[in-house]
Amino acid sequence: MYILRPDIDEDQYAQEVNRCEELIRQEGGEIGEVEERGRRSLAYEIRHYDQGYYVLVNFALEPTAVQRVNERLKLNEAVLRYQIVGLDEQEQ
């Protein structure tokens, strides 16, 4: 899951969602379900924003590539927060 800044327009929003999916594919991952949850209030203020666009992406990726995806998301200015959670095969 990641949260995008609320001040980006629709075109930038679509570009960022596509960019995140492409990042996973470049690292050899497969995209599953992408759930765009829309603009929501944050639990606490982040970088002076109290809202953000929430996007949940289910994907399969080799554990060695997760760190590279993690680093690229950290550098993306449009991403306020993100969290990558590993699931057991039984949970998928």
N, C-alpha and C. Protein backbone atom coordinates (compact mmCIF):
# COMPACT_ATOMS: atom_id res chain seq x y z
N MET A 1 0.85 -1.17 0.00
CA MET A 1 0.00 0.00 0.00
C MET A 1 0.89 1.22 0.00
N TYR A 2 0.43 2.24 -0.72
CA TYR A 2 1.12 3.52 -0.69
C TYR A 2 0.08 4.64 -0.70
N ILE A 3 0.51 5.80 -0.23
CA ILE A 3 -0.35 6.99 -0.16
C ILE A 3 0.32 8.09 -0.96
N LEU A 4 -0.43 8.63 -1.92
CA LEU A 4 0.07 9.72 -2.75
C LEU A 4 -0.39 11.07 -2.21
N ARG A 5 0.38 12.10 -2.50
CA ARG A 5 0.03 13.46 -2.08
C ARG A 5 -1.34 13.85 -2.63
N PRO A 6 -2.14 14.58 -1.86
CA PRO A 6 -3.48 14.96 -2.32
C PRO A 6 -3.51 16.13 -3.30
N ASP A 7 -2.40 16.83 -3.47
CA ASP A 7 -2.39 18.01 -4.33
C ASP A 7 -1.99 17.72 -5.79
N ILE A 8 -1.86 16.46 -6.15
CA ILE A 8 -1.57 16.14 -7.55
C ILE A 8 -2.88 16.05 -8.33
N ASP A 9 -2.82 16.40 -9.62
CA ASP A 9 -4.04 16.36 -10.43
C ASP A 9 -4.28 14.94 -10.96
N GLU A 10 -5.37 14.74 -11.67
CA GLU A 10 -5.77 13.41 -12.13
C GLU A 10 -4.71 12.78 -13.03
N ASP A 11 -4.11 13.58 -13.92
CA ASP A 11 -3.09 13.04 -14.82
C ASP A 11 -1.86 12.58 -14.05
N GLN A 12 -1.41 13.40 -13.11
CA GLN A 12 -0.26 13.02 -12.29
C GLN A 12 -0.58 11.78 -11.46
N TYR A 13 -1.80 11.71 -10.94
CA TYR A 13 -2.21 10.55 -10.15
C TYR A 13 -2.10 9.29 -11.00
N ALA A 14 -2.65 9.31 -12.20
CA ALA A 14 -2.60 8.14 -13.09
C ALA A 14 -1.16 7.79 -13.44
N GLN A 15 -0.32 8.80 -13.66
CA GLN A 15 1.10 8.56 -13.96
C GLN A 15 1.81 7.89 -12.79
N GLU A 16 1.52 8.34 -11.59
CA GLU A 16 2.17 7.77 -10.41
C GLU A 16 1.74 6.32 -10.17
N VAL A 17 0.46 6.03 -10.37
CA VAL A 17 -0.02 4.65 -10.21
C VAL A 17 0.67 3.77 -11.25
N ASN A 18 0.73 4.23 -12.50
CA ASN A 18 1.41 3.47 -13.55
C ASN A 18 2.90 3.32 -13.27
N ARG A 19 3.52 4.38 -12.75
CA ARG A 19 4.95 4.35 -12.44
C ARG A 19 5.25 3.30 -11.37
N CYS A 20 4.42 3.23 -10.35
CA CYS A 20 4.63 2.25 -9.29
C CYS A 20 4.46 0.82 -9.80
N GLU A 21 3.47 0.61 -10.67
CA GLU A 21 3.27 -0.72 -11.25
C GLU A 21 4.44 -1.08 -12.15
N GLU A 22 4.91 -0.14 -12.95
CA GLU A 22 6.03 -0.40 -13.84
C GLU A 22 7.31 -0.68 -13.07
N LEU A 23 7.50 -0.02 -11.95
CA LEU A 23 8.65 -0.27 -11.08
C LEU A 23 8.69 -1.73 -10.65
N ILE A 24 7.55 -2.25 -10.25
CA ILE A 24 7.47 -3.65 -9.81
C ILE A 24 7.75 -4.58 -10.99
N ARG A 25 7.19 -4.28 -12.15
CA ARG A 25 7.43 -5.11 -13.34
C ARG A 25 8.90 -5.09 -13.75
N GLN A 26 9.55 -3.93 -13.66
CA GLN A 26 10.98 -3.82 -14.02
C GLN A 26 11.85 -4.71 -13.14
N GLU A 27 11.43 -4.92 -11.93
CA GLU A 27 12.19 -5.77 -11.01
C GLU A 27 11.80 -7.24 -11.13
N GLY A 28 10.97 -7.57 -12.13
CA GLY A 28 10.59 -8.96 -12.38
C GLY A 28 9.33 -9.38 -11.65
N GLY A 29 8.58 -8.45 -11.11
CA GLY A 29 7.37 -8.78 -10.37
C GLY A 29 6.15 -8.90 -11.25
N GLU A 30 5.14 -9.51 -10.69
CA GLU A 30 3.85 -9.65 -11.36
C GLU A 30 2.80 -8.91 -10.55
N ILE A 31 2.04 -8.05 -11.21
CA ILE A 31 1.00 -7.27 -10.56
C ILE A 31 -0.26 -8.10 -10.47
N GLY A 32 -0.85 -8.15 -9.29
CA GLY A 32 -2.13 -8.80 -9.10
C GLY A 32 -3.22 -7.74 -9.11
N GLU A 33 -3.98 -7.69 -8.06
CA GLU A 33 -5.07 -6.73 -7.95
C GLU A 33 -4.54 -5.35 -7.54
N VAL A 34 -5.07 -4.31 -8.18
CA VAL A 34 -4.76 -2.92 -7.81
C VAL A 34 -6.06 -2.29 -7.36
N GLU A 35 -6.10 -1.87 -6.10
CA GLU A 35 -7.31 -1.28 -5.53
C GLU A 35 -7.05 0.18 -5.20
N GLU A 36 -7.63 1.06 -6.01
CA GLU A 36 -7.49 2.49 -5.77
C GLU A 36 -8.60 2.90 -4.81
N ARG A 37 -8.23 3.23 -3.59
CA ARG A 37 -9.21 3.50 -2.54
C ARG A 37 -9.61 4.97 -2.46
N GLY A 38 -9.00 5.80 -3.28
CA GLY A 38 -9.41 7.21 -3.34
C GLY A 38 -8.77 8.07 -2.27
N ARG A 39 -9.25 9.29 -2.22
CA ARG A 39 -8.73 10.29 -1.28
C ARG A 39 -9.37 10.08 0.08
N ARG A 40 -8.52 9.98 1.10
CA ARG A 40 -8.99 9.75 2.47
C ARG A 40 -8.18 10.61 3.44
N SER A 41 -8.74 10.78 4.60
CA SER A 41 -8.03 11.50 5.66
C SER A 41 -6.94 10.61 6.23
N LEU A 42 -5.83 11.23 6.58
CA LEU A 42 -4.72 10.52 7.21
C LEU A 42 -4.95 10.45 8.72
N ALA A 43 -4.38 9.47 9.35
CA ALA A 43 -4.50 9.35 10.80
C ALA A 43 -3.76 10.48 11.51
N TYR A 44 -2.71 10.99 10.86
CA TYR A 44 -1.93 12.10 11.39
C TYR A 44 -1.33 12.86 10.20
N GLU A 45 -0.94 14.06 10.41
CA GLU A 45 -0.40 14.90 9.35
C GLU A 45 0.97 14.40 8.91
N ILE A 46 1.16 14.34 7.58
CA ILE A 46 2.43 13.93 7.00
C ILE A 46 2.85 15.02 6.02
N ARG A 47 4.02 15.61 6.24
CA ARG A 47 4.54 16.68 5.39
C ARG A 47 3.50 17.77 5.16
N HIS A 48 2.78 18.13 6.17
CA HIS A 48 1.76 19.18 6.18
C HIS A 48 0.50 18.80 5.39
N TYR A 49 0.30 17.53 5.08
CA TYR A 49 -0.91 17.06 4.42
C TYR A 49 -1.74 16.28 5.42
N ASP A 50 -3.06 16.48 5.38
CA ASP A 50 -3.94 15.71 6.26
C ASP A 50 -4.81 14.73 5.48
N GLN A 51 -4.59 14.66 4.15
CA GLN A 51 -5.30 13.71 3.30
C GLN A 51 -4.31 13.13 2.29
N GLY A 52 -4.71 12.03 1.66
CA GLY A 52 -3.87 11.42 0.63
C GLY A 52 -4.67 10.42 -0.18
N TYR A 53 -4.14 10.06 -1.33
CA TYR A 53 -4.76 9.04 -2.19
C TYR A 53 -4.16 7.68 -1.83
N TYR A 54 -5.02 6.77 -1.40
CA TYR A 54 -4.59 5.44 -0.99
C TYR A 54 -4.68 4.47 -2.16
N VAL A 55 -3.62 3.68 -2.36
CA VAL A 55 -3.59 2.68 -3.42
C VAL A 55 -3.02 1.39 -2.83
N LEU A 56 -3.75 0.30 -2.99
CA LEU A 56 -3.32 -1.02 -2.52
C LEU A 56 -2.98 -1.86 -3.73
N VAL A 57 -1.76 -2.40 -3.77
CA VAL A 57 -1.31 -3.21 -4.90
C VAL A 57 -0.87 -4.58 -4.36
N ASN A 58 -1.47 -5.62 -4.88
CA ASN A 58 -1.01 -6.98 -4.58
C ASN A 58 -0.08 -7.39 -5.70
N PHE A 59 1.10 -7.87 -5.33
CA PHE A 59 2.07 -8.26 -6.36
C PHE A 59 2.95 -9.39 -5.84
N ALA A 60 3.54 -10.10 -6.79
CA ALA A 60 4.50 -11.17 -6.48
C ALA A 60 5.87 -10.69 -6.94
N LEU A 61 6.85 -10.81 -6.06
CA LEU A 61 8.19 -10.32 -6.37
C LEU A 61 9.20 -11.12 -5.56
N GLU A 62 10.33 -11.39 -6.17
CA GLU A 62 11.40 -12.09 -5.46
C GLU A 62 11.86 -11.25 -4.27
N PRO A 63 12.13 -11.89 -3.14
CA PRO A 63 12.54 -11.15 -1.94
C PRO A 63 13.78 -10.27 -2.16
N THR A 64 14.68 -10.69 -3.02
CA THR A 64 15.89 -9.90 -3.26
C THR A 64 15.58 -8.58 -3.97
N ALA A 65 14.47 -8.50 -4.70
CA ALA A 65 14.11 -7.29 -5.44
C ALA A 65 13.28 -6.31 -4.61
N VAL A 66 12.76 -6.78 -3.49
CA VAL A 66 11.90 -5.93 -2.67
C VAL A 66 12.67 -4.70 -2.16
N GLN A 67 13.90 -4.88 -1.79
CA GLN A 67 14.69 -3.75 -1.27
C GLN A 67 14.86 -2.67 -2.33
N ARG A 68 15.05 -3.06 -3.60
CA ARG A 68 15.19 -2.07 -4.67
C ARG A 68 13.89 -1.30 -4.88
N VAL A 69 12.76 -1.98 -4.81
CA VAL A 69 11.46 -1.31 -4.93
C VAL A 69 11.28 -0.37 -3.75
N ASN A 70 11.64 -0.83 -2.57
CA ASN A 70 11.56 -0.03 -1.36
C ASN A 70 12.34 1.28 -1.50
N GLU A 71 13.57 1.19 -2.01
CA GLU A 71 14.42 2.37 -2.17
C GLU A 71 13.83 3.36 -3.18
N ARG A 72 13.28 2.84 -4.27
CA ARG A 72 12.71 3.72 -5.30
C ARG A 72 11.46 4.42 -4.81
N LEU A 73 10.63 3.73 -4.03
CA LEU A 73 9.44 4.38 -3.47
C LEU A 73 9.83 5.47 -2.48
N LYS A 74 10.89 5.22 -1.73
CA LYS A 74 11.37 6.20 -0.75
C LYS A 74 11.79 7.50 -1.44
N LEU A 75 12.32 7.42 -2.64
CA LEU A 75 12.80 8.59 -3.37
C LEU A 75 11.72 9.33 -4.14
N ASN A 76 10.54 8.74 -4.28
CA ASN A 76 9.46 9.35 -5.05
C ASN A 76 8.78 10.44 -4.21
N GLU A 77 8.87 11.67 -4.67
CA GLU A 77 8.31 12.83 -3.96
C GLU A 77 6.79 12.79 -3.85
N ALA A 78 6.12 12.11 -4.77
CA ALA A 78 4.65 12.07 -4.75
C ALA A 78 4.13 11.08 -3.71
N VAL A 79 4.96 10.17 -3.24
CA VAL A 79 4.55 9.15 -2.27
C VAL A 79 4.78 9.69 -0.86
N LEU A 80 3.68 9.83 -0.11
CA LEU A 80 3.79 10.29 1.28
C LEU A 80 4.26 9.16 2.20
N ARG A 81 3.65 8.01 2.06
CA ARG A 81 3.98 6.83 2.87
C ARG A 81 3.74 5.60 2.04
N TYR A 82 4.43 4.53 2.40
CA TYR A 82 4.21 3.24 1.75
C TYR A 82 4.58 2.14 2.73
N GLN A 83 4.06 0.98 2.48
CA GLN A 83 4.43 -0.18 3.30
C GLN A 83 4.31 -1.41 2.44
N ILE A 84 5.38 -2.19 2.41
CA ILE A 84 5.40 -3.46 1.69
C ILE A 84 5.33 -4.56 2.74
N VAL A 85 4.32 -5.41 2.59
CA VAL A 85 4.10 -6.49 3.55
C VAL A 85 4.21 -7.82 2.81
N GLY A 86 5.01 -8.73 3.31
CA GLY A 86 5.14 -10.05 2.72
C GLY A 86 4.06 -10.98 3.26
N LEU A 87 3.49 -11.76 2.36
CA LEU A 87 2.47 -12.73 2.74
C LEU A 87 2.96 -14.14 2.48
N ASP A 88 2.54 -15.08 3.32
CA ASP A 88 2.82 -16.47 3.04
C ASP A 88 1.98 -16.90 1.85
N GLU A 89 2.38 -17.95 1.17
CA GLU A 89 1.63 -18.40 0.01
C GLU A 89 0.20 -18.79 0.39
N GLN A 90 -0.01 -19.26 1.61
CA GLN A 90 -1.35 -19.64 2.07
C GLN A 90 -2.25 -18.42 2.18
N GLU A 91 -1.69 -17.25 2.49
CA GLU A 91 -2.47 -16.03 2.65
C GLU A 91 -2.84 -15.37 1.33
N GLN A 92 -2.14 -15.72 0.27
CA GLN A 92 -2.37 -15.08 -1.03
C GLN A 92 -3.53 -15.67 -1.67
